Amino acid sequence: MTPSCDYTLETVRIIIVTGLSGSGKSIAVRQLEDSGYYCVDNLPIGFLVSVVQSLAEHGHTRIAVSVDARSQVNISDAGNAIEALKTRGCDVRMLFLTASTPELVQRFSETRRRHPLTLPRPDGTANMTLAEAIALERDKLAPAAELGHVIDTTGLAANTLRNWVRQFSEAEQSMMTLAFESFAFKHGLPVVADLVFDVRNLPNPYYDKALRPLTGLDAPIIKYLDNLPIVQDMVDDIARFIERWLPSYEAQNRHYLTVAIGCTGGQHRSVYVAQALAKRFAGKTVTVLRHRQLSRMGLGVSTEQTL
């Protein structure tokens, strides 16, 4: 039976953390706990509403729950629970973490931990391989990714993930959060991106020795690309495309849209274009900016921000 409505729920923010095993859920939950959230690990989705109600009655207004495949996530149950909480005034957000299969295999090999789904086969002859368990879990949780904001942790340092989770938890509630993320094609496409734009056709500052060690955040690179009409045309065309189709994503009750901008090394052109686009949309909706390759380079620069 659904718990009775309590007015305190109107002041409650709930973050549901889910995703693939080994993708960084523990890091995300610890960061949320450090940010003042009351955290509940591996909660069956059927208990979500009653647990939130009980915690709210005891004065907790920031709640985070971790849900994984062992909880038998049912997309209908999850959707119903989220909607039930939203109708009571809660600010409910879902964070879905994922990573490439080779990355997950490497992480499990390094930690020597067992994947939670490496259970005996139905005929009892042998356990699933690690790759099979990852594939099964990815398939089980795929529908849940449609309900939340997806972060691909492939190649991310733990500290970068903590920063991105903190950024996600502090963002104001909005009908749509638009995330721009620069990346390097030489490291592969991001595992999750709603829209991907290739800017490798633009002039590359890399071939200027004076500009090569800099990034798209540095003034000389910005000045160089600012003065190239082809670059400005590309930014304008991408912005128009997003403006044209953003309402249709919102009409599908999407709360998050990730736009990935890629160049060869993820250091100059993609960073510049992502920055330029984020500034265009900053006044129209909650806009998040991330630079995947710069986070790997240890340059001491801010690689994520909310505008």
Protein backbone atom coordinates (compact mmCIF):
# COMPACT_ATOMS: atom_id res chain seq x y z
CA MET A 1 0.00 0.00 0.00
CA THR A 2 1.33 3.45 -0.90
CA PRO A 3 2.34 5.51 2.17
CA SER A 4 0.26 8.56 2.90
CA CYS A 5 1.46 11.87 1.48
CA ASP A 6 3.51 14.08 3.79
CA TYR A 7 4.12 17.77 3.13
CA THR A 8 7.82 17.42 3.91
CA LEU A 9 8.26 15.53 0.64
CA GLU A 10 7.97 18.84 -1.20
CA THR A 11 11.39 19.78 0.17
CA VAL A 12 13.05 16.41 -0.53
CA ARG A 13 15.59 15.78 -3.27
CA ILE A 14 16.19 12.15 -4.21
CA ILE A 15 19.01 10.84 -6.40
CA ILE A 16 18.75 7.26 -7.64
CA VAL A 17 22.16 5.84 -8.61
CA THR A 18 22.15 2.83 -10.89
CA GLY A 19 24.17 1.36 -13.74
CA LEU A 20 26.62 -1.39 -14.52
CA SER A 21 28.68 -3.14 -11.86
CA GLY A 22 32.19 -1.72 -11.88
CA SER A 23 31.11 1.54 -13.50
CA GLY A 24 31.69 3.64 -10.37
CA LYS A 25 28.42 3.49 -8.40
CA SER A 26 30.29 3.13 -5.09
CA ILE A 27 32.35 6.23 -5.86
CA ALA A 28 29.18 8.12 -6.76
CA VAL A 29 27.37 7.09 -3.57
CA ARG A 30 30.36 8.01 -1.40
CA GLN A 31 30.52 11.42 -3.07
CA LEU A 32 26.82 11.99 -2.45
CA GLU A 33 27.29 10.97 1.19
CA ASP A 34 30.15 13.47 1.48
CA SER A 35 27.79 16.08 -0.03
CA GLY A 36 25.29 15.57 2.79
CA TYR A 37 22.96 12.95 1.31
CA TYR A 38 21.54 10.11 3.40
CA CYS A 39 22.56 7.08 1.34
CA VAL A 40 20.89 3.68 1.08
CA ASP A 41 22.83 0.99 -0.81
CA ASN A 42 21.27 -1.67 -3.06
CA LEU A 43 17.64 -0.81 -2.31
CA PRO A 44 14.97 -2.93 -4.08
CA ILE A 45 12.98 -0.48 -6.18
CA GLY A 46 9.70 -1.66 -4.64
CA PHE A 47 10.72 -0.15 -1.31
CA LEU A 48 11.71 3.25 -2.72
CA VAL A 49 8.54 5.20 -1.92
CA SER A 50 8.15 3.83 1.62
CA VAL A 51 11.84 4.35 2.47
CA VAL A 52 11.81 7.93 1.20
CA GLN A 53 8.60 8.61 3.12
CA SER A 54 10.12 7.25 6.33
CA LEU A 55 13.39 9.17 5.94
CA ALA A 56 11.53 12.40 5.14
CA GLU A 57 9.42 12.00 8.26
CA HIS A 58 12.67 11.87 10.24
CA GLY A 59 13.90 15.13 8.73
CA HIS A 60 16.10 13.92 5.86
CA THR A 61 15.73 16.19 2.81
CA ARG A 62 18.66 14.88 0.72
CA ILE A 63 18.40 11.16 -0.01
CA ALA A 64 20.42 8.96 -2.38
CA VAL A 65 19.67 5.32 -3.12
CA SER A 66 21.74 2.83 -5.05
CA VAL A 67 19.90 0.28 -7.19
CA ASP A 68 21.61 -2.46 -9.23
CA ALA A 69 20.72 -5.51 -11.27
CA ARG A 70 20.58 -7.70 -8.16
CA SER A 71 17.53 -5.68 -7.13
CA GLN A 72 15.72 -7.02 -10.19
CA VAL A 73 15.11 -3.54 -11.62
CA ASN A 74 11.78 -3.46 -13.42
CA ILE A 75 11.43 -0.45 -15.68
CA SER A 76 7.69 -0.14 -15.04
CA ASP A 77 8.13 -0.36 -11.27
CA ALA A 78 10.97 2.16 -11.35
CA GLY A 79 8.98 4.56 -13.51
CA ASN A 80 5.90 4.24 -11.30
CA ALA A 81 7.92 4.82 -8.12
CA ILE A 82 9.58 7.91 -9.57
CA GLU A 83 6.28 9.35 -10.76
CA ALA A 84 4.66 8.63 -7.38
CA LEU A 85 7.38 10.61 -5.65
CA LYS A 86 7.23 13.45 -8.16
CA THR A 87 3.48 13.82 -7.68
CA ARG A 88 4.20 14.32 -3.97
CA GLY A 89 6.49 17.22 -4.82
CA CYS A 90 9.86 15.46 -4.64
CA ASP A 91 12.77 16.47 -6.85
CA VAL A 92 13.71 13.02 -8.20
CA ARG A 93 16.74 12.43 -10.39
CA MET A 94 18.32 9.25 -11.71
CA LEU A 95 22.04 8.91 -12.39
CA PHE A 96 23.01 6.00 -14.63
CA LEU A 97 26.69 4.99 -14.80
CA THR A 98 28.13 2.86 -17.56
CA ALA A 99 31.47 2.02 -19.20
CA SER A 100 32.77 0.05 -22.15
CA THR A 101 33.01 -3.72 -21.78
CA PRO A 102 36.84 -3.81 -22.13
CA GLU A 103 37.09 -1.16 -19.40
CA LEU A 104 34.80 -3.15 -17.07
CA VAL A 105 36.73 -6.37 -17.73
CA GLN A 106 39.97 -4.58 -16.87
CA ARG A 107 38.53 -3.13 -13.64
CA PHE A 108 37.26 -6.51 -12.42
CA SER A 109 40.60 -8.11 -13.33
CA GLU A 110 42.52 -5.45 -11.39
CA THR A 111 40.35 -5.62 -8.28
CA ARG A 112 39.92 -9.41 -8.44
CA ARG A 113 36.29 -8.95 -7.45
CA ARG A 114 33.55 -11.22 -8.72
CA HIS A 115 30.80 -9.76 -10.88
CA PRO A 116 27.46 -10.08 -9.01
CA LEU A 117 25.83 -11.81 -11.97
CA THR A 118 28.45 -14.53 -12.45
CA LEU A 119 25.94 -17.17 -11.41
CA PRO A 120 25.73 -20.81 -12.56
CA ARG A 121 24.14 -21.38 -15.96
CA PRO A 122 20.56 -22.69 -15.96
CA ASP A 123 21.82 -26.21 -16.69
CA GLY A 124 24.26 -25.98 -13.80
CA THR A 125 27.27 -26.91 -15.92
CA ALA A 126 29.39 -23.77 -15.54
CA ASN A 127 29.44 -20.17 -14.44
CA MET A 128 29.00 -17.33 -16.89
CA THR A 129 32.17 -15.70 -18.09
CA LEU A 130 32.82 -12.12 -16.99
CA ALA A 131 32.04 -10.83 -20.49
CA GLU A 132 28.73 -12.74 -20.51
CA ALA A 133 27.78 -11.34 -17.09
CA ILE A 134 28.53 -7.78 -18.24
CA ALA A 135 26.45 -8.31 -21.40
CA LEU A 136 23.53 -9.71 -19.39
CA GLU A 137 23.62 -6.83 -16.90
CA ARG A 138 23.86 -4.26 -19.71
CA ASP A 139 20.77 -5.79 -21.30
CA LYS A 140 18.84 -5.90 -18.00
CA LEU A 141 19.55 -2.26 -17.16
CA ALA A 142 19.31 -0.73 -20.64
CA PRO A 143 15.73 0.56 -20.15
CA ALA A 144 16.72 2.33 -16.93
CA ALA A 145 19.17 4.52 -18.84
CA GLU A 146 16.20 6.18 -20.53
CA LEU A 147 15.00 7.53 -17.18
CA GLY A 148 18.10 9.39 -16.11
CA HIS A 149 21.32 11.20 -16.81
CA VAL A 150 23.97 8.84 -18.17
CA ILE A 151 27.68 9.21 -17.40
CA ASP A 152 30.20 7.10 -19.30
CA THR A 153 33.07 6.46 -16.88
CA THR A 154 35.37 4.85 -19.46
CA GLY A 155 38.82 6.29 -18.90
CA LEU A 156 37.68 8.65 -16.15
CA ALA A 157 39.79 9.14 -13.04
CA ALA A 158 37.93 8.62 -9.77
CA ASN A 159 38.36 12.27 -8.84
CA THR A 160 36.83 13.38 -12.14
CA LEU A 161 33.82 11.14 -11.57
CA ARG A 162 33.40 12.57 -8.07
CA ASN A 163 33.43 16.09 -9.51
CA TRP A 164 30.86 15.18 -12.16
CA VAL A 165 28.58 13.56 -9.57
CA ARG A 166 28.85 16.62 -7.33
CA GLN A 167 27.98 18.81 -10.30
CA PHE A 168 24.96 16.62 -11.09
CA SER A 169 23.70 16.68 -7.49
CA GLU A 170 23.96 20.45 -7.15
CA ALA A 171 22.27 21.41 -10.44
CA GLU A 172 18.92 23.11 -10.07
CA GLN A 173 15.82 21.23 -11.11
CA SER A 174 14.92 21.76 -14.75
CA MET A 175 12.72 20.20 -17.42
CA MET A 176 15.87 19.64 -19.49
CA THR A 177 19.56 19.48 -18.64
CA LEU A 178 21.72 19.89 -21.73
CA ALA A 179 25.23 18.43 -21.41
CA PHE A 180 28.00 19.29 -23.87
CA GLU A 181 30.97 16.93 -23.73
CA SER A 182 34.18 17.18 -25.75
CA PHE A 183 36.07 13.96 -26.52
CA ALA A 184 38.87 12.47 -28.62
CA PHE A 185 37.99 10.21 -31.54
CA LYS A 186 41.36 8.48 -31.16
CA HIS A 187 40.11 7.10 -27.85
CA GLY A 188 36.77 6.01 -29.32
CA LEU A 189 33.22 7.29 -29.19
CA PRO A 190 31.66 7.88 -25.77
CA VAL A 191 29.61 4.86 -24.74
CA VAL A 192 26.57 7.08 -24.32
CA ALA A 193 25.76 10.24 -26.25
CA ASP A 194 22.42 11.34 -27.65
CA LEU A 195 23.95 13.47 -30.40
CA VAL A 196 27.51 13.25 -31.76
CA PHE A 197 29.14 15.94 -33.90
CA ASP A 198 32.50 15.49 -35.65
CA VAL A 199 34.58 18.68 -35.90
CA ARG A 200 37.75 17.07 -37.29
CA ASN A 201 37.12 18.90 -40.56
CA LEU A 202 38.02 22.23 -38.91
CA PRO A 203 41.55 23.69 -39.05
CA ASN A 204 43.67 22.06 -36.36
CA PRO A 205 45.76 24.26 -34.01
CA TYR A 206 47.88 21.18 -33.31
CA TYR A 207 49.95 21.89 -36.42
CA ASP A 208 51.05 25.26 -35.04
CA LYS A 209 53.95 24.45 -32.69
CA ALA A 210 53.19 27.48 -30.54
CA LEU A 211 49.57 26.40 -30.08
CA ARG A 212 50.11 22.63 -29.82
CA PRO A 213 50.61 22.40 -26.03
CA LEU A 214 47.59 24.61 -25.30
CA THR A 215 43.91 23.63 -25.03
CA GLY A 216 40.62 25.01 -26.29
CA LEU A 217 40.29 26.79 -22.96
CA ASP A 218 43.36 28.96 -23.57
CA ALA A 219 43.09 32.48 -25.00
CA PRO A 220 45.46 31.94 -28.00
CA ILE A 221 43.42 28.92 -29.18
CA ILE A 222 40.16 30.79 -28.68
CA LYS A 223 41.48 33.77 -30.65
CA TYR A 224 42.77 31.51 -33.43
CA LEU A 225 39.45 29.66 -33.85
CA ASP A 226 37.33 32.78 -33.29
CA ASN A 227 38.85 34.28 -36.44
CA LEU A 228 38.05 31.33 -38.73
CA PRO A 229 34.66 31.69 -40.51
CA ILE A 230 34.41 27.92 -41.08
CA VAL A 231 34.61 27.34 -37.34
CA GLN A 232 31.89 29.89 -36.61
CA ASP A 233 29.71 28.37 -39.35
CA MET A 234 30.09 24.94 -37.72
CA VAL A 235 29.12 26.29 -34.29
CA ASP A 236 26.13 28.12 -35.79
CA ASP A 237 24.93 25.03 -37.68
CA ILE A 238 25.17 22.75 -34.66
CA ALA A 239 23.40 25.32 -32.48
CA ARG A 240 20.58 25.66 -35.00
CA PHE A 241 20.20 21.88 -35.18
CA ILE A 242 19.94 21.59 -31.40
CA GLU A 243 17.51 24.52 -31.18
CA ARG A 244 15.37 22.95 -33.89
CA TRP A 245 15.12 19.52 -32.28
CA LEU A 246 15.43 20.21 -28.55
CA PRO A 247 11.65 20.76 -28.14
CA SER A 248 10.97 17.30 -29.57
CA TYR A 249 13.26 15.70 -26.99
CA GLU A 250 11.51 17.66 -24.25
CA ALA A 251 8.15 16.51 -25.62
CA GLN A 252 9.25 12.91 -24.95
CA ASN A 253 9.68 13.78 -21.25
CA ARG A 254 13.46 13.62 -21.60
CA HIS A 255 15.17 15.45 -18.74
CA TYR A 256 18.74 15.03 -19.99
CA LEU A 257 20.35 15.34 -23.41
CA THR A 258 24.07 14.74 -23.97
CA VAL A 259 25.73 16.34 -27.00
CA ALA A 260 29.21 14.96 -27.70
CA ILE A 261 31.67 17.04 -29.74
CA GLY A 262 34.69 15.15 -31.04
CA CYS A 263 37.99 15.98 -32.68
CA THR A 264 41.14 13.90 -33.10
CA GLY A 265 42.80 14.52 -29.74
CA GLY A 266 40.00 16.13 -27.73
CA GLN A 267 42.28 19.01 -26.79
CA HIS A 268 41.66 21.98 -29.11
CA ARG A 269 38.74 22.05 -31.56
CA SER A 270 36.19 19.93 -29.70
CA VAL A 271 36.88 21.79 -26.45
CA TYR A 272 36.44 25.16 -28.16
CA VAL A 273 33.21 24.15 -29.93
CA ALA A 274 31.73 22.58 -26.78
CA GLN A 275 32.54 25.76 -24.86
CA ALA A 276 30.97 27.96 -27.55
CA LEU A 277 27.80 25.88 -27.69
CA ALA A 278 27.45 25.74 -23.90
CA LYS A 279 27.59 29.54 -23.77
CA ARG A 280 24.86 29.75 -26.44
CA PHE A 281 22.45 27.61 -24.43
CA ALA A 282 23.40 28.65 -20.90
CA GLY A 283 20.56 31.15 -20.63
CA LYS A 284 17.93 28.84 -22.10
CA THR A 285 18.18 25.72 -19.93
CA VAL A 286 20.45 24.12 -17.34
CA THR A 287 23.68 23.55 -19.27
CA VAL A 288 26.51 21.25 -18.22
CA LEU A 289 29.96 21.37 -19.81
CA ARG A 290 32.51 18.54 -19.67
CA HIS A 291 35.87 17.87 -21.30
CA ARG A 292 36.63 14.14 -21.28
CA GLN A 293 40.16 14.23 -22.68
CA LEU A 294 41.29 17.20 -20.62
CA SER A 295 40.28 15.32 -17.47
CA ARG A 296 42.83 12.64 -18.42
CA MET A 297 45.64 15.07 -19.11
CA GLY A 298 46.04 16.43 -15.58
CA LEU A 299 46.39 20.01 -16.74
CA GLY A 300 45.01 21.53 -13.56
CA VAL A 301 42.09 23.11 -15.40
CA SER A 302 38.38 22.85 -14.69
CA THR A 303 37.01 20.05 -16.89
CA GLU A 304 33.37 20.34 -15.84
CA GLN A 305 31.02 23.10 -14.90
CA THR A 306 27.34 24.04 -14.81
CA LEU A 307 26.44 27.25 -16.61
